[in-house]
N, C-alpha and C. Protein backbone atom coordinates (compact mmCIF):
# COMPACT_ATOMS: atom_id res chain seq x y z
N MET A 1 1.01 -1.17 0.04
CA MET A 1 -0.07 -0.02 -0.06
C MET A 1 1.03 1.26 0.02
N PHE A 2 0.67 2.19 -1.02
CA PHE A 2 1.51 3.39 -1.11
C PHE A 2 1.02 4.46 0.16
N SER A 3 1.69 5.01 0.73
CA SER A 3 1.59 6.25 1.42
C SER A 3 0.88 7.43 0.57
N ALA A 4 -0.04 8.41 1.46
CA ALA A 4 -0.71 9.18 0.68
C ALA A 4 0.06 10.14 -0.17
N ASP A 5 1.43 10.39 0.17
CA ASP A 5 2.29 11.25 -0.53
C ASP A 5 3.16 10.52 -1.32
N GLY A 6 2.91 9.17 -1.59
CA GLY A 6 3.45 8.39 -2.64
C GLY A 6 5.13 8.30 -2.72
N GLN A 7 5.51 8.61 -1.46
CA GLN A 7 6.88 8.35 -1.16
C GLN A 7 7.34 7.11 -0.41
N ARG A 8 6.38 6.37 -0.06
CA ARG A 8 6.75 4.99 0.62
C ARG A 8 5.54 3.99 0.29
N VAL A 9 6.08 2.72 0.66
CA VAL A 9 5.29 1.82 0.41
C VAL A 9 5.31 0.91 1.71
N VAL A 10 3.97 0.26 2.17
CA VAL A 10 4.13 -0.62 3.31
C VAL A 10 3.76 -2.07 2.63
N THR A 11 4.35 -3.09 3.26
CA THR A 11 3.95 -4.46 2.84
C THR A 11 3.82 -5.23 4.04
N ALA A 12 2.97 -5.90 3.92
CA ALA A 12 2.73 -7.10 4.84
C ALA A 12 3.09 -8.48 4.63
N SER A 13 3.54 -9.43 5.64
CA SER A 13 4.31 -10.55 5.30
C SER A 13 3.98 -11.67 6.15
N LEU A 14 4.14 -12.90 5.41
CA LEU A 14 4.08 -14.13 6.00
C LEU A 14 5.12 -14.29 7.14
N ASP A 15 6.18 -13.49 7.24
CA ASP A 15 6.99 -13.82 8.12
C ASP A 15 6.82 -13.05 9.58
N LYS A 16 5.51 -12.65 9.74
CA LYS A 16 5.31 -11.89 10.87
C LYS A 16 5.65 -10.24 10.79
N THR A 17 6.09 -9.90 9.93
CA THR A 17 6.54 -8.54 9.96
C THR A 17 5.80 -7.62 8.85
N ALA A 18 5.79 -6.35 8.87
CA ALA A 18 5.39 -5.55 7.90
C ALA A 18 6.80 -4.81 7.55
N ARG A 19 6.81 -4.25 6.38
CA ARG A 19 8.11 -3.35 6.13
C ARG A 19 7.66 -2.39 5.24
N VAL A 20 8.33 -1.03 5.64
CA VAL A 20 8.23 0.34 5.07
C VAL A 20 9.39 0.61 4.08
N TRP A 21 9.05 0.64 3.00
CA TRP A 21 9.90 0.86 1.79
C TRP A 21 9.88 2.17 1.24
N ASN A 22 10.95 2.78 0.74
CA ASN A 22 11.14 4.12 -0.13
C ASN A 22 10.57 3.51 -1.42
N ALA A 23 9.59 4.29 -2.05
CA ALA A 23 8.86 3.91 -3.20
C ALA A 23 9.86 4.01 -4.27
N ASP A 24 10.97 4.63 -4.17
CA ASP A 24 11.95 4.61 -5.38
C ASP A 24 12.83 3.53 -5.36
N GLY A 25 12.76 2.81 -4.27
CA GLY A 25 13.62 1.48 -3.98
C GLY A 25 14.84 1.68 -3.43
N SER A 26 15.11 2.83 -3.16
CA SER A 26 16.29 3.28 -2.35
C SER A 26 16.42 2.96 -1.02
N GLY A 27 17.46 2.76 -0.32
CA GLY A 27 17.61 2.49 1.19
C GLY A 27 17.16 1.19 1.44
N THR A 28 17.33 1.21 2.80
CA THR A 28 16.96 -0.10 3.57
C THR A 28 15.39 -0.18 3.99
N PRO A 29 14.64 -1.05 4.18
CA PRO A 29 13.18 -0.86 4.63
C PRO A 29 13.18 -0.95 6.20
N VAL A 30 12.25 -0.16 6.69
CA VAL A 30 11.88 -0.37 8.10
C VAL A 30 11.18 -1.48 8.44
N VAL A 31 11.71 -2.37 9.34
CA VAL A 31 10.99 -3.61 9.60
C VAL A 31 10.21 -3.31 10.96
N LEU A 32 8.88 -3.69 10.95
CA LEU A 32 8.08 -3.69 12.08
C LEU A 32 7.90 -5.07 12.47
N ARG A 33 8.60 -5.46 13.67
CA ARG A 33 8.39 -6.73 14.20
C ARG A 33 7.55 -6.66 15.59
N GLY A 34 6.64 -7.69 15.81
CA GLY A 34 6.21 -7.68 17.22
C GLY A 34 5.01 -8.65 16.87
N HIS A 35 4.40 -8.79 15.68
CA HIS A 35 3.13 -9.81 15.68
C HIS A 35 3.72 -11.19 15.79
N GLU A 36 2.85 -12.19 16.32
CA GLU A 36 3.13 -13.39 16.82
C GLU A 36 2.79 -14.39 15.53
N ASP A 37 1.97 -14.03 14.33
CA ASP A 37 1.70 -14.74 13.36
C ASP A 37 1.68 -13.91 12.07
N VAL A 38 1.18 -14.46 11.00
CA VAL A 38 1.12 -13.82 9.65
C VAL A 38 0.58 -12.18 9.87
N VAL A 39 1.24 -11.21 9.04
CA VAL A 39 0.63 -9.84 9.02
C VAL A 39 -0.48 -9.75 7.55
N ARG A 40 -1.44 -9.86 7.72
CA ARG A 40 -2.18 -9.88 6.62
C ARG A 40 -2.53 -8.60 5.85
N SER A 41 -2.52 -7.43 6.66
CA SER A 41 -2.58 -6.21 5.88
C SER A 41 -1.92 -5.21 6.69
N ALA A 42 -1.40 -4.09 5.85
CA ALA A 42 -0.61 -3.04 6.49
C ALA A 42 -1.17 -1.80 5.82
N VAL A 43 -1.49 -0.49 6.29
CA VAL A 43 -1.82 0.64 5.64
C VAL A 43 -1.43 1.65 6.26
N PHE A 44 -0.99 2.81 5.70
CA PHE A 44 -0.51 4.10 6.27
C PHE A 44 -1.96 5.06 6.79
N SER A 45 -1.67 5.91 7.58
CA SER A 45 -2.61 6.72 8.05
C SER A 45 -2.54 7.88 6.94
N ALA A 46 -3.73 8.58 6.86
CA ALA A 46 -3.51 9.95 6.02
C ALA A 46 -2.42 10.85 6.12
N ASP A 47 -2.02 10.98 7.15
CA ASP A 47 -0.83 11.84 7.39
C ASP A 47 0.59 11.25 7.01
N CYS A 48 0.44 10.06 6.77
CA CYS A 48 1.74 9.14 6.52
C CYS A 48 2.77 9.10 7.80
N ARG A 49 2.18 9.32 9.14
CA ARG A 49 2.94 9.29 10.03
C ARG A 49 2.85 7.76 11.07
N ARG A 50 1.81 7.08 10.59
CA ARG A 50 1.52 5.88 11.16
C ARG A 50 1.08 4.82 10.45
N ILE A 51 1.22 3.64 10.56
CA ILE A 51 0.81 2.59 10.16
C ILE A 51 -0.21 1.32 10.86
N VAL A 52 -1.25 1.17 10.50
CA VAL A 52 -1.75 -0.16 11.07
C VAL A 52 -1.77 -1.36 10.61
N THR A 53 -1.42 -2.50 11.31
CA THR A 53 -1.35 -3.89 10.66
C THR A 53 -2.52 -4.67 11.17
N ALA A 54 -2.79 -5.61 10.55
CA ALA A 54 -3.76 -6.72 10.96
C ALA A 54 -3.13 -7.98 10.77
N SER A 55 -3.30 -8.85 11.83
CA SER A 55 -2.66 -10.11 12.02
C SER A 55 -3.26 -11.50 12.20
N SER A 56 -3.02 -12.66 11.79
CA SER A 56 -3.59 -13.73 12.11
C SER A 56 -3.36 -13.89 13.81
N ASP A 57 -2.56 -13.09 14.34
CA ASP A 57 -2.36 -13.35 15.83
C ASP A 57 -3.37 -13.01 16.72
N ARG A 58 -4.54 -12.40 16.00
CA ARG A 58 -5.75 -12.10 16.69
C ARG A 58 -5.57 -10.41 17.21
N THR A 59 -4.75 -9.59 16.67
CA THR A 59 -4.54 -8.31 16.98
C THR A 59 -4.27 -7.66 15.76
N ALA A 60 -4.41 -6.09 16.09
CA ALA A 60 -4.01 -5.28 15.08
C ALA A 60 -2.97 -4.26 15.93
N ARG A 61 -1.95 -3.53 15.26
CA ARG A 61 -0.97 -2.83 15.91
C ARG A 61 -1.01 -1.42 15.19
N VAL A 62 -0.81 -0.34 16.02
CA VAL A 62 -0.64 0.92 15.44
C VAL A 62 0.88 1.22 15.64
N TRP A 63 1.77 1.66 14.51
CA TRP A 63 2.94 1.94 14.57
C TRP A 63 3.34 3.33 14.24
N ASN A 64 4.47 3.81 14.54
CA ASN A 64 5.03 5.03 14.00
C ASN A 64 5.70 4.33 12.72
N ALA A 65 5.45 5.10 11.45
CA ALA A 65 5.78 4.60 10.35
C ALA A 65 7.37 4.65 10.20
N ASP A 66 8.06 5.38 10.95
CA ASP A 66 9.45 5.30 10.99
C ASP A 66 10.32 4.24 11.98
N GLY A 67 9.26 3.35 12.54
CA GLY A 67 9.67 2.45 13.30
C GLY A 67 9.98 2.78 14.50
N SER A 68 9.87 3.97 14.98
CA SER A 68 10.35 4.33 16.33
C SER A 68 9.20 3.92 17.58
N GLY A 69 9.71 3.99 18.56
CA GLY A 69 8.92 3.57 19.78
C GLY A 69 8.03 2.28 19.69
N THR A 70 6.90 2.12 20.63
CA THR A 70 6.40 0.62 20.69
C THR A 70 4.90 0.79 20.28
N PRO A 71 4.67 -0.11 19.38
CA PRO A 71 3.33 -0.26 18.84
C PRO A 71 2.04 -0.28 19.85
N VAL A 72 1.12 0.45 19.63
CA VAL A 72 -0.04 0.28 20.45
C VAL A 72 -0.88 -1.04 20.01
N VAL A 73 -0.86 -2.11 20.72
CA VAL A 73 -1.82 -3.46 20.37
C VAL A 73 -3.16 -3.02 20.62
N LEU A 74 -3.89 -3.46 19.57
CA LEU A 74 -5.26 -3.40 19.65
C LEU A 74 -5.80 -5.02 19.90
N SER A 75 -6.19 -5.58 21.00
CA SER A 75 -6.66 -6.91 21.20
C SER A 75 -7.86 -7.00 21.79
N GLY A 76 -8.47 -8.18 21.38
CA GLY A 76 -9.86 -8.27 21.80
C GLY A 76 -10.63 -9.16 20.96
N HIS A 77 -10.17 -9.26 19.52
CA HIS A 77 -10.94 -10.27 18.57
C HIS A 77 -10.61 -11.64 19.03
N GLU A 78 -11.67 -12.47 18.78
CA GLU A 78 -11.41 -14.12 19.19
C GLU A 78 -10.75 -14.92 17.87
N ALA A 79 -10.65 -14.25 16.81
CA ALA A 79 -9.98 -15.03 15.64
C ALA A 79 -9.10 -13.87 14.58
N GLU A 80 -8.39 -14.44 13.71
CA GLU A 80 -7.59 -13.85 12.98
C GLU A 80 -8.26 -12.35 12.55
N VAL A 81 -7.44 -11.50 12.78
CA VAL A 81 -7.75 -10.07 12.15
C VAL A 81 -7.14 -9.86 10.80
N TYR A 82 -8.19 -9.74 9.62
CA TYR A 82 -7.74 -9.72 8.32
C TYR A 82 -7.73 -8.45 7.66
N SER A 83 -8.07 -7.47 8.35
CA SER A 83 -8.15 -6.07 7.80
C SER A 83 -8.05 -5.11 9.02
N ALA A 84 -7.47 -3.79 8.65
CA ALA A 84 -7.35 -2.65 9.68
C ALA A 84 -7.21 -1.36 8.63
N VAL A 85 -8.14 -0.42 8.94
CA VAL A 85 -7.47 0.92 8.30
C VAL A 85 -7.89 1.96 9.27
N PHE A 86 -7.55 2.98 9.06
CA PHE A 86 -7.63 4.34 9.81
C PHE A 86 -8.88 5.14 9.40
N SER A 87 -9.37 5.84 10.27
CA SER A 87 -10.45 6.55 9.64
C SER A 87 -9.83 7.88 9.22
N ALA A 88 -10.60 8.59 8.33
CA ALA A 88 -9.99 9.73 7.47
C ALA A 88 -9.42 10.75 8.28
N ASP A 89 -9.88 11.01 9.72
CA ASP A 89 -9.32 11.97 10.29
C ASP A 89 -8.25 11.36 11.35
N GLY A 90 -7.84 10.04 11.32
CA GLY A 90 -6.66 9.56 11.96
C GLY A 90 -7.06 9.14 13.26
N GLN A 91 -8.01 9.40 13.78
CA GLN A 91 -8.59 9.44 15.33
C GLN A 91 -9.20 7.84 15.50
N ARG A 92 -9.43 7.03 14.68
CA ARG A 92 -9.89 5.84 14.98
C ARG A 92 -9.38 4.84 14.07
N VAL A 93 -9.34 3.32 14.36
CA VAL A 93 -9.08 2.55 13.40
C VAL A 93 -10.37 1.52 13.60
N VAL A 94 -10.59 1.02 12.42
CA VAL A 94 -11.46 -0.06 12.36
C VAL A 94 -10.72 -1.42 11.79
N THR A 95 -11.19 -2.54 12.59
CA THR A 95 -10.62 -3.76 12.30
C THR A 95 -11.66 -4.79 11.94
N ALA A 96 -11.39 -5.88 11.00
CA ALA A 96 -12.55 -6.74 10.80
C ALA A 96 -11.79 -8.12 11.11
N SER A 97 -12.45 -8.98 11.54
CA SER A 97 -11.93 -10.22 12.08
C SER A 97 -13.00 -11.55 11.31
N PHE A 98 -12.15 -12.86 11.16
CA PHE A 98 -12.74 -13.92 11.14
C PHE A 98 -13.76 -14.34 12.11
N ASP A 99 -13.88 -13.50 13.32
CA ASP A 99 -14.75 -13.91 14.22
C ASP A 99 -16.22 -13.41 14.18
N LYS A 100 -16.18 -12.90 12.89
CA LYS A 100 -17.50 -12.24 12.47
C LYS A 100 -17.88 -10.82 13.18
N THR A 101 -16.74 -10.06 13.57
CA THR A 101 -17.19 -8.81 14.19
C THR A 101 -16.24 -7.92 13.28
N ALA A 102 -16.72 -6.67 13.61
CA ALA A 102 -15.66 -5.48 13.42
C ALA A 102 -15.81 -4.73 14.41
N ARG A 103 -14.59 -4.04 14.78
CA ARG A 103 -14.46 -3.34 16.01
C ARG A 103 -13.66 -1.66 15.60
N VAL A 104 -14.43 -0.82 16.04
CA VAL A 104 -13.87 0.48 15.96
C VAL A 104 -13.20 0.89 17.49
N TRP A 105 -11.81 1.26 17.17
CA TRP A 105 -10.90 1.63 18.24
C TRP A 105 -10.71 3.19 18.08
N ALA A 106 -10.66 3.99 19.27
CA ALA A 106 -10.38 5.12 19.54
C ALA A 106 -8.83 5.25 19.71
N ILE A 107 -8.07 5.91 18.56
CA ILE A 107 -6.50 6.03 18.85
C ILE A 107 -5.94 7.49 18.99
N SER A 108 -6.96 8.57 19.22
CA SER A 108 -6.30 9.80 19.36
C SER A 108 -5.31 9.56 20.44
N ALA A 109 -4.48 11.02 20.31
CA ALA A 109 -3.46 11.11 21.21
C ALA A 109 -4.07 10.90 22.78
N GLN A 110 -5.15 11.28 23.20
CA GLN A 110 -5.60 11.21 24.61
C GLN A 110 -6.02 10.09 24.63
N ALA A 111 -6.60 9.13 23.77
CA ALA A 111 -6.89 7.59 24.27
C ALA A 111 -5.70 6.94 24.26
N LEU A 112 -4.66 7.20 23.59
CA LEU A 112 -3.39 6.57 23.62
C LEU A 112 -2.84 6.71 25.00
N GLN A 113 -2.85 7.91 25.37
CA GLN A 113 -2.19 8.22 26.69
C GLN A 113 -2.95 7.60 27.82
N GLN A 114 -4.26 7.54 27.66
CA GLN A 114 -4.94 6.59 28.58
C GLN A 114 -4.60 5.13 28.90
N SER A 115 -4.59 4.63 27.50
CA SER A 115 -4.03 3.29 27.63
C SER A 115 -2.76 3.02 27.96
N LEU A 116 -1.62 3.90 27.91
CA LEU A 116 -0.57 3.69 28.49
C LEU A 116 -0.53 3.96 29.82
N ARG A 117 -1.47 4.85 30.47
CA ARG A 117 -1.47 4.68 31.84
C ARG A 117 -2.00 3.52 32.40
N ALA A 118 -3.05 2.81 31.97
CA ALA A 118 -3.68 1.60 32.36
C ALA A 118 -3.21 0.50 32.00
N ALA A 119 -2.17 0.41 31.11
CA ALA A 119 -1.51 -0.84 30.43
C ALA A 119 -0.53 -1.73 31.58
N THR A 120 0.14 -1.14 32.23
CA THR A 120 1.06 -1.67 33.02
C THR A 120 1.19 -1.22 34.67
N THR A 121 1.61 -2.24 35.29
CA THR A 121 1.87 -1.70 37.01
C THR A 121 3.16 -1.21 36.98
N ASP A 122 4.02 -1.35 35.93
CA ASP A 122 5.49 -0.59 35.85
C ASP A 122 5.38 0.95 36.15
N CYS A 123 5.80 1.77 36.37
CA CYS A 123 5.75 2.94 36.73
C CYS A 123 6.77 3.66 35.59
N LEU A 124 6.05 4.85 34.68
CA LEU A 124 6.95 5.20 34.00
C LEU A 124 7.88 6.42 34.45
N SER A 125 8.96 6.64 34.20
CA SER A 125 10.12 7.46 34.90
C SER A 125 9.38 8.93 34.56
N PRO A 126 9.87 9.88 35.10
CA PRO A 126 9.46 11.32 34.90
C PRO A 126 9.78 11.56 33.49
N GLU A 127 10.65 11.26 33.00
CA GLU A 127 11.09 11.67 31.67
C GLU A 127 10.23 10.87 30.60
N MET A 128 9.74 9.45 30.75
CA MET A 128 9.14 8.83 29.98
C MET A 128 7.75 9.73 30.01
N ARG A 129 7.12 9.85 31.20
CA ARG A 129 5.80 10.67 31.53
C ARG A 129 5.63 11.85 30.60
N ARG A 130 6.98 12.58 30.61
CA ARG A 130 6.90 13.85 29.80
C ARG A 130 6.76 13.43 28.20
N THR A 131 7.68 12.45 28.00
CA THR A 131 7.46 12.20 26.43
C THR A 131 6.43 11.51 26.15
N TYR A 132 5.85 10.47 26.72
CA TYR A 132 4.64 9.85 26.21
C TYR A 132 3.27 10.07 26.53
N LEU A 133 3.36 10.82 27.73
CA LEU A 133 1.96 11.41 28.09
C LEU A 133 1.82 12.73 28.14
N ASP A 134 2.94 13.53 27.60
CA ASP A 134 2.99 14.94 27.56
C ASP A 134 2.62 15.58 28.99
N GLU A 135 3.25 15.33 29.93
CA GLU A 135 2.89 15.88 31.29
C GLU A 135 4.20 17.01 31.40
N SER A 136 3.79 18.01 32.20
CA SER A 136 4.80 19.13 32.52
C SER A 136 5.75 18.14 33.52
N ASP A 137 7.09 19.01 33.83
CA ASP A 137 7.95 18.47 34.55
C ASP A 137 7.53 18.12 35.92
N GLU A 138 6.62 19.02 36.34
CA GLU A 138 5.95 19.00 37.81
C GLU A 138 5.08 17.69 37.91
N ALA A 139 4.12 17.46 36.89
CA ALA A 139 3.31 16.52 36.84
C ALA A 139 3.89 15.38 36.74
N ALA A 140 4.70 15.30 35.84
CA ALA A 140 5.52 13.89 35.45
C ALA A 140 6.15 13.37 36.79
N ARG A 141 6.87 14.30 37.60
CA ARG A 141 7.75 13.78 38.89
C ARG A 141 6.66 13.37 39.66
N LYS A 142 5.19 14.16 39.89
CA LYS A 142 4.34 13.76 41.16
C LYS A 142 3.81 12.44 40.65
N GLY A 143 3.55 12.49 39.23
CA GLY A 143 2.89 10.89 38.82
C GLY A 143 3.82 9.77 39.04
N TYR A 144 4.97 10.06 38.99
CA TYR A 144 5.92 8.86 38.89
C TYR A 144 5.86 8.50 40.49
N GLU A 145 6.06 9.59 41.38
CA GLU A 145 6.19 9.51 42.85
C GLU A 145 4.79 8.65 43.29
N LEU A 146 3.58 9.16 42.78
CA LEU A 146 2.36 8.46 43.35
C LEU A 146 2.31 7.13 42.71
N CYS A 147 2.70 6.66 41.62
CA CYS A 147 2.69 5.62 41.00
C CYS A 147 3.60 4.37 41.95
N GLU A 148 4.79 4.94 41.99
CA GLU A 148 5.70 4.23 42.83
C GLU A 148 5.06 3.64 44.28
N ARG A 149 4.92 4.76 44.88
CA ARG A 149 4.19 4.74 46.30
C ARG A 149 3.01 3.85 46.39
N SER A 150 1.86 3.93 45.19
CA SER A 150 0.75 3.00 45.26
C SER A 150 1.06 1.67 45.08
N TYR A 151 2.50 1.32 44.74
CA TYR A 151 2.81 -0.10 44.90
C TYR A 151 3.80 -0.60 46.04
N GLY A 152 3.75 0.44 46.99
CA GLY A 152 4.74 0.20 48.05
C GLY A 152 6.22 0.49 47.95
N ARG A 153 6.59 1.15 46.86
CA ARG A 153 7.93 1.35 46.51
C ARG A 153 8.43 2.79 46.74
N THR A 154 9.60 2.96 47.05
CA THR A 154 10.32 4.33 47.15
C THR A 154 10.79 4.60 45.77
N PRO A 155 10.22 5.73 45.36
CA PRO A 155 10.69 6.38 44.16
C PRO A 155 12.20 6.49 43.98
N PHE A 156 12.71 6.06 43.01
CA PHE A 156 14.13 6.18 42.62
C PHE A 156 14.57 7.21 41.43
N TYR A 157 15.54 8.19 41.80
CA TYR A 157 15.82 8.91 40.78
C TYR A 157 17.26 8.70 40.51
N PRO A 158 17.73 8.29 39.26
CA PRO A 158 19.35 8.04 39.12
C PRO A 158 19.97 9.47 39.02
N GLU A 159 21.07 9.20 39.73
CA GLU A 159 21.80 10.41 39.71
C GLU A 159 22.20 10.99 38.21
N VAL A 160 22.61 12.09 38.20
CA VAL A 160 22.59 12.49 36.64
C VAL A 160 24.16 13.39 36.82
N ASP A 161 24.97 12.89 36.14
CA ASP A 161 26.36 13.36 36.05
C ASP A 161 26.36 14.79 35.90
N PRO A 162 27.10 15.43 36.71
CA PRO A 162 27.37 17.21 36.38
C PRO A 162 28.15 17.49 34.89
N PRO A 163 28.00 18.58 34.29
CA PRO A 163 28.37 18.69 33.06
C PRO A 163 30.01 18.77 33.19
């Protein structure tokens, strides 16, 4: 599938990956790894910044098109997901599955931030909270401390070497 700007192509593969290629054939493709079974489809978002893949592992994943970061896993189907596409505004994904259902997933920045907050009992460091949750320095530090204390742990701040 071509990106909307025609500069890149994304392919789905039996080897459990998707690959992002320069449309002119130059360079090395970005390999998107993480699915546990065949990747059945892969498409770009309208802004060309993200890719959604559908897999026989019963999930869809939303990736940064440059391969950076960790994909958001959309799980809940009871059978293989054979198709996934972005809405025109890029705020939602619809998936279709052999379980005879289609699902609509909210993937706006706010929805992704809420998913990150709910996804793990590991506490994100203040730096990660600033980066991924778009929190201020103060909110990131307080959020990290509250998280650590809620699990009975003492917050740990690695020492920073002086310049």
